[in-house]
Amino acid sequence: MSFRLKNASTGMGVADNSKSTYLELQRRRLHRYVIFKIDESKNEVVVEKTGGPAESYDDFSASLPENDCRYAVYDFDFVTSENCQKSKIFFIAWSPSVSHIRSKMLYATSKESFRRELEGVHYEIQATDPTEMDLEVVTDRAN
C-alpha cells in the first residue's frame, strides 16, 4: 500500500520512495543526486534518476532534460577556506525556458509543498538555463 502526502492547494502527492530516496542521500550518502519528476497519471512527485556517490556535478547537470522541468537535490562536497571538508544539500527547481507552459505551471505550483517535504536542504536554486545552476554558482552559494 502506498502512502502519499498531499498538498491541499495543488493536490500533488509525494511518492513514498521520493522521500526515502532523499533520506538515503541526506543521511546515508548513498546518492550524489536525485532527480524527481511529476507523474501526472499518479498526480505525485516520483524519483526519475539517482546518481551514485562518485558521480560529478557535470554528470548531474547532463541528467536534467534540456526541454522539460524537474526538481533535483544535489549533495555538494567542498573544502572551506579553513580547509574543512563540508557538505551542503541543494534543492534545484529546473524549469528551462523552452519547456511547455503547462509543465512550468505544474512544477511552479507544486514546488513549495514538495520542497517542504525535504527537511535538511541548505540552499535552493531556481534555474531556467544551465548557467543559473552551474558549478560556480553552487560553489559560491555553499561558501
C-alpha atoms as a PDB file:
ATOM      1  CA  MET A   1       0.000   0.000   0.000  1.00  0.00           C
ATOM      2  CA  SER A   2       1.331   3.409  -0.944  1.00  0.00           C
ATOM      3  CA  PHE A   3       1.074   6.370   1.396  1.00  0.00           C
ATOM      4  CA  ARG A   4       1.154   9.754  -0.272  1.00  0.00           C
ATOM      5  CA  LEU A   5       1.361  13.157   1.302  1.00  0.00           C
ATOM      6  CA  LYS A   6      -0.950  15.541  -0.491  1.00  0.00           C
ATOM      7  CA  ASN A   7      -0.868  19.268  -0.608  1.00  0.00           C
ATOM      8  CA  ALA A   8      -4.312  20.824  -0.360  1.00  0.00           C
ATOM      9  CA  SER A   9      -3.579  23.679  -2.757  1.00  0.00           C
ATOM     10  CA  THR A  10      -2.130  21.634  -5.616  1.00  0.00           C
ATOM     11  CA  GLY A  11      -3.416  18.155  -4.820  1.00  0.00           C
ATOM     12  CA  MET A  12       0.080  16.887  -5.696  1.00  0.00           C
ATOM     13  CA  GLY A  13       1.304  13.907  -3.733  1.00  0.00           C
ATOM     14  CA  VAL A  14       4.841  12.797  -2.931  1.00  0.00           C
ATOM     15  CA  ALA A  15       5.620   9.139  -3.614  1.00  0.00           C
ATOM     16  CA  ASP A  16       6.957   7.147  -0.648  1.00  0.00           C
ATOM     17  CA  ASN A  17      10.166   6.356  -2.445  1.00  0.00           C
ATOM     18  CA  SER A  18      10.785  10.055  -3.245  1.00  0.00           C
ATOM     19  CA  LYS A  19      11.124  10.853   0.431  1.00  0.00           C
ATOM     20  CA  SER A  20      13.033   7.666   1.307  1.00  0.00           C
ATOM     21  CA  THR A  21      15.459   8.173  -1.606  1.00  0.00           C
ATOM     22  CA  TYR A  22      16.090  11.721  -0.421  1.00  0.00           C
ATOM     23  CA  LEU A  23      16.795  10.411   3.096  1.00  0.00           C
ATOM     24  CA  GLU A  24      19.278   7.908   1.613  1.00  0.00           C
ATOM     25  CA  LEU A  25      21.116  10.875   0.059  1.00  0.00           C
ATOM     26  CA  GLN A  26      20.907  13.012   3.193  1.00  0.00           C
ATOM     27  CA  ARG A  27      21.662  10.503   5.945  1.00  0.00           C
ATOM     28  CA  ARG A  28      23.480   7.608   4.351  1.00  0.00           C
ATOM     29  CA  ARG A  29      25.086   9.365   1.375  1.00  0.00           C
ATOM     30  CA  LEU A  30      24.075   6.573  -0.988  1.00  0.00           C
ATOM     31  CA  HIS A  31      23.405   9.057  -3.807  1.00  0.00           C
ATOM     32  CA  ARG A  32      25.206  12.167  -5.069  1.00  0.00           C
ATOM     33  CA  TYR A  33      21.948  13.452  -6.534  1.00  0.00           C
ATOM     34  CA  VAL A  34      18.290  12.607  -7.031  1.00  0.00           C
ATOM     35  CA  ILE A  35      16.176  13.890  -9.912  1.00  0.00           C
ATOM     36  CA  PHE A  36      12.423  13.992  -9.382  1.00  0.00           C
ATOM     37  CA  LYS A  37       9.639  14.403 -11.899  1.00  0.00           C
ATOM     38  CA  ILE A  38       5.912  14.887 -11.647  1.00  0.00           C
ATOM     39  CA  ASP A  39       3.993  11.810 -12.748  1.00  0.00           C
ATOM     40  CA  GLU A  40       0.732  13.345 -13.900  1.00  0.00           C
ATOM     41  CA  SER A  41      -1.029   9.973 -14.184  1.00  0.00           C
ATOM     42  CA  LYS A  42      -0.435   9.362 -10.464  1.00  0.00           C
ATOM     43  CA  ASN A  43      -0.558  13.057  -9.518  1.00  0.00           C
ATOM     44  CA  GLU A  44       2.612  12.707  -7.473  1.00  0.00           C
ATOM     45  CA  VAL A  45       6.320  13.514  -7.435  1.00  0.00           C
ATOM     46  CA  VAL A  46       8.404  10.414  -8.188  1.00  0.00           C
ATOM     47  CA  VAL A  47      12.117   9.589  -8.462  1.00  0.00           C
ATOM     48  CA  GLU A  48      13.302   9.701 -12.064  1.00  0.00           C
ATOM     49  CA  LYS A  49      17.018   9.067 -11.550  1.00  0.00           C
ATOM     50  CA  THR A  50      19.697   8.802  -8.889  1.00  0.00           C
ATOM     51  CA  GLY A  51      23.418   9.354  -9.252  1.00  0.00           C
ATOM     52  CA  GLY A  52      25.973   7.307  -7.365  1.00  0.00           C
ATOM     53  CA  PRO A  53      28.350   8.872  -4.802  1.00  0.00           C
ATOM     54  CA  ALA A  54      31.206   9.007  -7.336  1.00  0.00           C
ATOM     55  CA  GLU A  55      29.245  10.950  -9.963  1.00  0.00           C
ATOM     56  CA  SER A  56      30.248  14.546 -10.679  1.00  0.00           C
ATOM     57  CA  TYR A  57      28.280  17.758 -10.920  1.00  0.00           C
ATOM     58  CA  ASP A  58      28.664  17.527 -14.704  1.00  0.00           C
ATOM     59  CA  ASP A  59      27.052  14.066 -14.619  1.00  0.00           C
ATOM     60  CA  PHE A  60      24.184  15.553 -12.634  1.00  0.00           C
ATOM     61  CA  SER A  61      23.728  18.537 -14.973  1.00  0.00           C
ATOM     62  CA  ALA A  62      23.764  16.264 -18.019  1.00  0.00           C
ATOM     63  CA  SER A  63      20.970  14.162 -16.466  1.00  0.00           C
ATOM     64  CA  LEU A  64      18.486  17.032 -16.475  1.00  0.00           C
ATOM     65  CA  PRO A  65      16.301  17.215 -19.595  1.00  0.00           C
ATOM     66  CA  GLU A  66      17.008  20.139 -21.906  1.00  0.00           C
ATOM     67  CA  ASN A  67      13.355  20.905 -22.553  1.00  0.00           C
ATOM     68  CA  ASP A  68      11.316  19.825 -19.523  1.00  0.00           C
ATOM     69  CA  CYS A  69      11.056  20.788 -15.867  1.00  0.00           C
ATOM     70  CA  ARG A  70      12.368  18.745 -12.939  1.00  0.00           C
ATOM     71  CA  TYR A  71      13.155  19.006  -9.244  1.00  0.00           C
ATOM     72  CA  ALA A  72      16.520  17.794  -8.038  1.00  0.00           C
ATOM     73  CA  VAL A  73      18.642  17.562  -4.923  1.00  0.00           C
ATOM     74  CA  TYR A  74      22.424  17.540  -5.095  1.00  0.00           C
ATOM     75  CA  ASP A  75      24.813  16.704  -2.246  1.00  0.00           C
ATOM     76  CA  PHE A  76      27.688  19.136  -2.778  1.00  0.00           C
ATOM     77  CA  ASP A  77      31.041  18.364  -1.123  1.00  0.00           C
ATOM     78  CA  PHE A  78      33.600  21.152  -0.823  1.00  0.00           C
ATOM     79  CA  VAL A  79      36.544  22.355   1.237  1.00  0.00           C
ATOM     80  CA  THR A  80      36.214  25.658   3.115  1.00  0.00           C
ATOM     81  CA  SER A  81      38.856  28.372   3.235  1.00  0.00           C
ATOM     82  CA  GLU A  82      39.776  26.950   6.679  1.00  0.00           C
ATOM     83  CA  ASN A  83      40.468  23.624   4.913  1.00  0.00           C
ATOM     84  CA  CYS A  84      37.427  21.860   6.419  1.00  0.00           C
ATOM     85  CA  GLN A  85      35.528  19.249   4.414  1.00  0.00           C
ATOM     86  CA  LYS A  86      31.834  20.209   4.234  1.00  0.00           C
ATOM     87  CA  SER A  87      28.704  19.003   2.516  1.00  0.00           C
ATOM     88  CA  LYS A  88      25.602  21.031   1.639  1.00  0.00           C
ATOM     89  CA  ILE A  89      22.378  19.824   0.054  1.00  0.00           C
ATOM     90  CA  PHE A  90      20.976  21.921  -2.778  1.00  0.00           C
ATOM     91  CA  PHE A  91      17.380  21.813  -3.979  1.00  0.00           C
ATOM     92  CA  ILE A  92      17.207  22.789  -7.637  1.00  0.00           C
ATOM     93  CA  ALA A  93      13.989  23.706  -9.407  1.00  0.00           C
ATOM     94  CA  TRP A  94      14.864  23.212 -13.073  1.00  0.00           C
ATOM     95  CA  SER A  95      12.465  24.999 -15.425  1.00  0.00           C
ATOM     96  CA  PRO A  96      14.121  25.579 -18.806  1.00  0.00           C
ATOM     97  CA  SER A  97      12.747  28.486 -20.803  1.00  0.00           C
ATOM     98  CA  VAL A  98      11.948  26.151 -23.728  1.00  0.00           C
ATOM     99  CA  SER A  99       9.723  23.819 -21.689  1.00  0.00           C
ATOM    100  CA  HIS A 100       5.955  23.827 -22.169  1.00  0.00           C
ATOM    101  CA  ILE A 101       3.942  26.408 -20.248  1.00  0.00           C
ATOM    102  CA  ARG A 102       1.788  23.652 -18.708  1.00  0.00           C
ATOM    103  CA  SER A 103       4.875  21.911 -17.329  1.00  0.00           C
ATOM    104  CA  LYS A 104       6.266  25.172 -15.952  1.00  0.00           C
ATOM    105  CA  MET A 105       2.958  25.930 -14.221  1.00  0.00           C
ATOM    106  CA  LEU A 106       2.656  22.425 -12.769  1.00  0.00           C
ATOM    107  CA  TYR A 107       6.177  22.491 -11.328  1.00  0.00           C
ATOM    108  CA  ALA A 108       5.855  26.085 -10.090  1.00  0.00           C
ATOM    109  CA  THR A 109       2.596  25.455  -8.239  1.00  0.00           C
ATOM    110  CA  SER A 110       3.773  22.280  -6.512  1.00  0.00           C
ATOM    111  CA  LYS A 111       7.375  23.329  -5.744  1.00  0.00           C
ATOM    112  CA  GLU A 112       6.885  24.743  -2.248  1.00  0.00           C
ATOM    113  CA  SER A 113       4.878  21.796  -0.957  1.00  0.00           C
ATOM    114  CA  PHE A 114       7.406  19.313  -2.332  1.00  0.00           C
ATOM    115  CA  ARG A 115      10.369  21.337  -1.072  1.00  0.00           C
ATOM    116  CA  ARG A 116       8.889  21.339   2.468  1.00  0.00           C
ATOM    117  CA  GLU A 117       8.945  17.525   2.455  1.00  0.00           C
ATOM    118  CA  LEU A 118      12.731  17.553   2.085  1.00  0.00           C
ATOM    119  CA  GLU A 119      13.991  18.538   5.516  1.00  0.00           C
ATOM    120  CA  GLY A 120      17.662  19.425   5.753  1.00  0.00           C
ATOM    121  CA  VAL A 121      18.071  21.202   2.415  1.00  0.00           C
ATOM    122  CA  HIS A 122      20.573  24.029   2.840  1.00  0.00           C
ATOM    123  CA  TYR A 123      20.111  26.048  -0.351  1.00  0.00           C
ATOM    124  CA  GLU A 124      17.604  26.414  -3.151  1.00  0.00           C
ATOM    125  CA  ILE A 125      18.290  27.396  -6.745  1.00  0.00           C
ATOM    126  CA  GLN A 126      15.675  28.251  -9.362  1.00  0.00           C
ATOM    127  CA  ALA A 127      17.192  27.745 -12.821  1.00  0.00           C
ATOM    128  CA  THR A 128      15.785  28.426 -16.287  1.00  0.00           C
ATOM    129  CA  ASP A 129      19.037  27.764 -18.131  1.00  0.00           C
ATOM    130  CA  PRO A 130      22.225  25.815 -17.250  1.00  0.00           C
ATOM    131  CA  THR A 131      24.275  28.922 -16.409  1.00  0.00           C
ATOM    132  CA  GLU A 132      21.957  29.695 -13.466  1.00  0.00           C
ATOM    133  CA  MET A 133      22.959  26.454 -11.779  1.00  0.00           C
ATOM    134  CA  ASP A 134      26.492  25.812 -12.987  1.00  0.00           C
ATOM    135  CA  LEU A 135      29.168  24.610 -10.572  1.00  0.00           C
ATOM    136  CA  GLU A 136      30.458  28.123  -9.956  1.00  0.00           C
ATOM    137  CA  VAL A 137      27.007  29.261  -8.749  1.00  0.00           C
ATOM    138  CA  VAL A 138      26.742  26.260  -6.421  1.00  0.00           C
ATOM    139  CA  THR A 139      30.268  26.789  -5.074  1.00  0.00           C
ATOM    140  CA  ASP A 140      29.584  30.491  -4.424  1.00  0.00           C
ATOM    141  CA  ARG A 141      26.349  29.698  -2.573  1.00  0.00           C
ATOM    142  CA  ALA A 142      27.972  26.986  -0.434  1.00  0.00           C
ATOM    143  CA  ASN A 143      30.883  29.131   0.751  1.00  0.00           C
END
